[in-house]
Amino acid sequence: MDSHQDDGTHRRIDWPTYLALDTGRMNRDQVKTALGRRDVELADGRLWIYSWETRGELGLFILAFWGEGAGSGEILMDSSKAHYLILEFDGASVLQRKEVRHGGTLNGLAKGWDDVMIK
């Protein structure tokens, strides 16, 4: 299963997929089968991170009047947001915790669950 898009980013992990990740029962191989290749592995393999991005575009049309003239223009603002599915496995490779976080920055030097995100 290729869970990545053409640009290398991970496909969005939807709610039913998230709910199917059975903590206390699923192991690494089962998670990999369900989700595909992880994007990042931290804390000596105990943390797996899947990430994806959502994009939005907001367009504004500006109309301005001054003196004896007028002008108009369009402004496009692109916004994107990173999302992370963070999974924690125990020493026996069993999934113990899962959480989706929206926004923020990953700590590439994380040693465990508590420091995986930079606030």
C-alpha atoms as a PDB file:
ATOM      1  CA  MET A   1       0.000   0.000   0.000  1.00  0.00           C
ATOM      2  CA  ASP A   2       1.435   3.365  -0.986  1.00  0.00           C
ATOM      3  CA  SER A   3       0.073   5.896   1.448  1.00  0.00           C
ATOM      4  CA  HIS A   4       1.995   8.793  -0.067  1.00  0.00           C
ATOM      5  CA  GLN A   5       0.892  11.221  -2.750  1.00  0.00           C
ATOM      6  CA  ASP A   6       2.888  12.150  -5.843  1.00  0.00           C
ATOM      7  CA  ASP A   7       4.590  15.042  -4.039  1.00  0.00           C
ATOM      8  CA  GLY A   8       5.848  12.706  -1.285  1.00  0.00           C
ATOM      9  CA  THR A   9       3.462  13.885   1.396  1.00  0.00           C
ATOM     10  CA  HIS A  10       1.290  11.422   3.267  1.00  0.00           C
ATOM     11  CA  ARG A  11      -2.386  11.124   2.479  1.00  0.00           C
ATOM     12  CA  ARG A  12      -4.749  12.499   5.110  1.00  0.00           C
ATOM     13  CA  ILE A  13      -5.608  10.012   7.835  1.00  0.00           C
ATOM     14  CA  ASP A  14      -9.364  10.064   8.255  1.00  0.00           C
ATOM     15  CA  TRP A  15     -11.411   9.448  11.400  1.00  0.00           C
ATOM     16  CA  PRO A  16     -12.442   5.809  10.627  1.00  0.00           C
ATOM     17  CA  THR A  17      -8.793   4.915   9.956  1.00  0.00           C
ATOM     18  CA  TYR A  18      -7.744   6.574  13.206  1.00  0.00           C
ATOM     19  CA  LEU A  19     -10.418   4.718  15.168  1.00  0.00           C
ATOM     20  CA  ALA A  20      -9.308   1.394  13.662  1.00  0.00           C
ATOM     21  CA  LEU A  21      -5.844   1.785  15.231  1.00  0.00           C
ATOM     22  CA  ASP A  22      -6.425  -0.491  18.198  1.00  0.00           C
ATOM     23  CA  THR A  23      -4.164   0.503  21.097  1.00  0.00           C
ATOM     24  CA  GLY A  24      -3.006  -2.371  23.261  1.00  0.00           C
ATOM     25  CA  ARG A  25      -3.533  -4.876  20.425  1.00  0.00           C
ATOM     26  CA  MET A  26      -2.021  -3.740  17.127  1.00  0.00           C
ATOM     27  CA  ASN A  27       1.683  -4.166  16.506  1.00  0.00           C
ATOM     28  CA  ARG A  28       4.042  -2.253  14.215  1.00  0.00           C
ATOM     29  CA  ASP A  29       3.492  -4.589  11.258  1.00  0.00           C
ATOM     30  CA  GLN A  30      -0.286  -4.254  11.521  1.00  0.00           C
ATOM     31  CA  VAL A  31      -0.041  -0.468  11.717  1.00  0.00           C
ATOM     32  CA  LYS A  32       2.241  -0.419   8.677  1.00  0.00           C
ATOM     33  CA  THR A  33      -0.243  -2.579   6.776  1.00  0.00           C
ATOM     34  CA  ALA A  34      -3.094  -0.222   7.732  1.00  0.00           C
ATOM     35  CA  LEU A  35      -1.320   3.090   7.137  1.00  0.00           C
ATOM     36  CA  GLY A  36       1.666   2.431   4.928  1.00  0.00           C
ATOM     37  CA  ARG A  37       5.165   3.771   5.419  1.00  0.00           C
ATOM     38  CA  ARG A  38       5.628   6.165   8.328  1.00  0.00           C
ATOM     39  CA  ASP A  39       7.088   9.593   7.652  1.00  0.00           C
ATOM     40  CA  VAL A  40       9.274   9.902  10.745  1.00  0.00           C
ATOM     41  CA  GLU A  41      10.545   7.516  13.403  1.00  0.00           C
ATOM     42  CA  LEU A  42      11.829   8.910  16.714  1.00  0.00           C
ATOM     43  CA  ALA A  43      12.827   7.823  20.212  1.00  0.00           C
ATOM     44  CA  ASP A  44      14.664   4.683  19.093  1.00  0.00           C
ATOM     45  CA  GLY A  45      11.655   3.534  17.073  1.00  0.00           C
ATOM     46  CA  ARG A  46       9.089   3.936  19.861  1.00  0.00           C
ATOM     47  CA  LEU A  47       7.420   6.888  18.133  1.00  0.00           C
ATOM     48  CA  TRP A  48       6.075   6.793  14.595  1.00  0.00           C
ATOM     49  CA  ILE A  49       4.774   9.944  12.983  1.00  0.00           C
ATOM     50  CA  TYR A  50       2.553  10.215   9.946  1.00  0.00           C
ATOM     51  CA  SER A  51       2.127  13.738   8.621  1.00  0.00           C
ATOM     52  CA  TRP A  52       0.019  15.476   6.019  1.00  0.00           C
ATOM     53  CA  GLU A  53      -0.834  19.005   5.057  1.00  0.00           C
ATOM     54  CA  THR A  54      -4.088  20.737   4.303  1.00  0.00           C
ATOM     55  CA  ARG A  55      -4.145  23.760   2.049  1.00  0.00           C
ATOM     56  CA  GLY A  56      -6.617  26.523   1.689  1.00  0.00           C
ATOM     57  CA  GLU A  57      -6.774  29.544  -0.499  1.00  0.00           C
ATOM     58  CA  LEU A  58      -8.520  32.779   0.303  1.00  0.00           C
ATOM     59  CA  GLY A  59      -9.133  35.279  -2.467  1.00  0.00           C
ATOM     60  CA  LEU A  60      -9.899  38.926  -1.836  1.00  0.00           C
ATOM     61  CA  PHE A  61     -11.019  41.423  -4.413  1.00  0.00           C
ATOM     62  CA  ILE A  62     -10.011  44.978  -3.567  1.00  0.00           C
ATOM     63  CA  LEU A  63     -11.718  48.011  -5.050  1.00  0.00           C
ATOM     64  CA  ALA A  64     -10.180  51.368  -4.221  1.00  0.00           C
ATOM     65  CA  PHE A  65     -11.218  54.929  -5.047  1.00  0.00           C
ATOM     66  CA  TRP A  66      -8.936  57.936  -4.840  1.00  0.00           C
ATOM     67  CA  GLY A  67      -9.125  61.431  -6.255  1.00  0.00           C
ATOM     68  CA  GLU A  68     -10.549  61.065  -9.731  1.00  0.00           C
ATOM     69  CA  GLY A  69      -9.532  57.460 -10.236  1.00  0.00           C
ATOM     70  CA  ALA A  70     -10.298  54.003  -9.126  1.00  0.00           C
ATOM     71  CA  GLY A  71      -8.491  50.716  -9.161  1.00  0.00           C
ATOM     72  CA  SER A  72      -9.046  47.140  -8.327  1.00  0.00           C
ATOM     73  CA  GLY A  73      -6.995  44.079  -7.713  1.00  0.00           C
ATOM     74  CA  GLU A  74      -7.130  40.567  -6.462  1.00  0.00           C
ATOM     75  CA  ILE A  75      -5.117  39.221  -3.576  1.00  0.00           C
ATOM     76  CA  LEU A  76      -4.703  35.482  -3.107  1.00  0.00           C
ATOM     77  CA  MET A  77      -3.553  34.190   0.246  1.00  0.00           C
ATOM     78  CA  ASP A  78      -2.401  30.598   0.489  1.00  0.00           C
ATOM     79  CA  SER A  79      -2.623  28.948   3.874  1.00  0.00           C
ATOM     80  CA  SER A  80      -1.455  25.518   4.825  1.00  0.00           C
ATOM     81  CA  LYS A  81      -1.469  23.571   8.058  1.00  0.00           C
ATOM     82  CA  ALA A  82       0.534  20.528   9.065  1.00  0.00           C
ATOM     83  CA  HIS A  83      -1.182  17.618  10.801  1.00  0.00           C
ATOM     84  CA  TYR A  84       0.514  14.771  12.658  1.00  0.00           C
ATOM     85  CA  LEU A  85      -0.606  11.328  13.718  1.00  0.00           C
ATOM     86  CA  ILE A  86       1.703  10.346  16.564  1.00  0.00           C
ATOM     87  CA  LEU A  87       1.895   6.701  17.574  1.00  0.00           C
ATOM     88  CA  GLU A  88       3.782   5.237  20.524  1.00  0.00           C
ATOM     89  CA  PHE A  89       4.845   1.592  20.726  1.00  0.00           C
ATOM     90  CA  ASP A  90       6.150  -0.320  23.730  1.00  0.00           C
ATOM     91  CA  GLY A  91       9.212  -2.570  23.838  1.00  0.00           C
ATOM     92  CA  ALA A  92       7.153  -5.491  22.496  1.00  0.00           C
ATOM     93  CA  SER A  93       6.143  -3.422  19.408  1.00  0.00           C
ATOM     94  CA  VAL A  94       2.526  -3.037  20.573  1.00  0.00           C
ATOM     95  CA  LEU A  95       0.732   0.258  19.937  1.00  0.00           C
ATOM     96  CA  GLN A  96       0.182   2.003  23.282  1.00  0.00           C
ATOM     97  CA  ARG A  97      -0.922   5.549  22.422  1.00  0.00           C
ATOM     98  CA  LYS A  98      -2.187   7.510  19.448  1.00  0.00           C
ATOM     99  CA  GLU A  99      -3.025  11.151  18.925  1.00  0.00           C
ATOM    100  CA  VAL A 100      -3.611  13.561  16.060  1.00  0.00           C
ATOM    101  CA  ARG A 101      -2.146  17.022  16.467  1.00  0.00           C
ATOM    102  CA  HIS A 102      -2.961  19.936  14.206  1.00  0.00           C
ATOM    103  CA  GLY A 103      -0.195  22.447  13.637  1.00  0.00           C
ATOM    104  CA  GLY A 104       3.029  22.831  15.551  1.00  0.00           C
ATOM    105  CA  THR A 105       6.517  21.563  14.883  1.00  0.00           C
ATOM    106  CA  LEU A 106       8.005  18.125  15.442  1.00  0.00           C
ATOM    107  CA  ASN A 107      11.010  17.810  17.712  1.00  0.00           C
ATOM    108  CA  GLY A 108      13.454  15.747  15.670  1.00  0.00           C
ATOM    109  CA  LEU A 109      15.425  14.966  18.843  1.00  0.00           C
ATOM    110  CA  ALA A 110      12.428  13.718  20.841  1.00  0.00           C
ATOM    111  CA  LYS A 111      13.202  11.069  23.399  1.00  0.00           C
ATOM    112  CA  GLY A 112       9.568  10.212  24.128  1.00  0.00           C
ATOM    113  CA  TRP A 113       5.897  11.146  23.948  1.00  0.00           C
ATOM    114  CA  ASP A 114       6.179  14.227  26.162  1.00  0.00           C
ATOM    115  CA  ASP A 115       8.701  16.096  24.020  1.00  0.00           C
ATOM    116  CA  VAL A 116       7.694  15.050  20.496  1.00  0.00           C
ATOM    117  CA  MET A 117       6.155  18.452  19.691  1.00  0.00           C
ATOM    118  CA  ILE A 118       7.723  21.868  20.098  1.00  0.00           C
ATOM    119  CA  LYS A 119       5.093  24.146  21.540  1.00  0.00           C
END
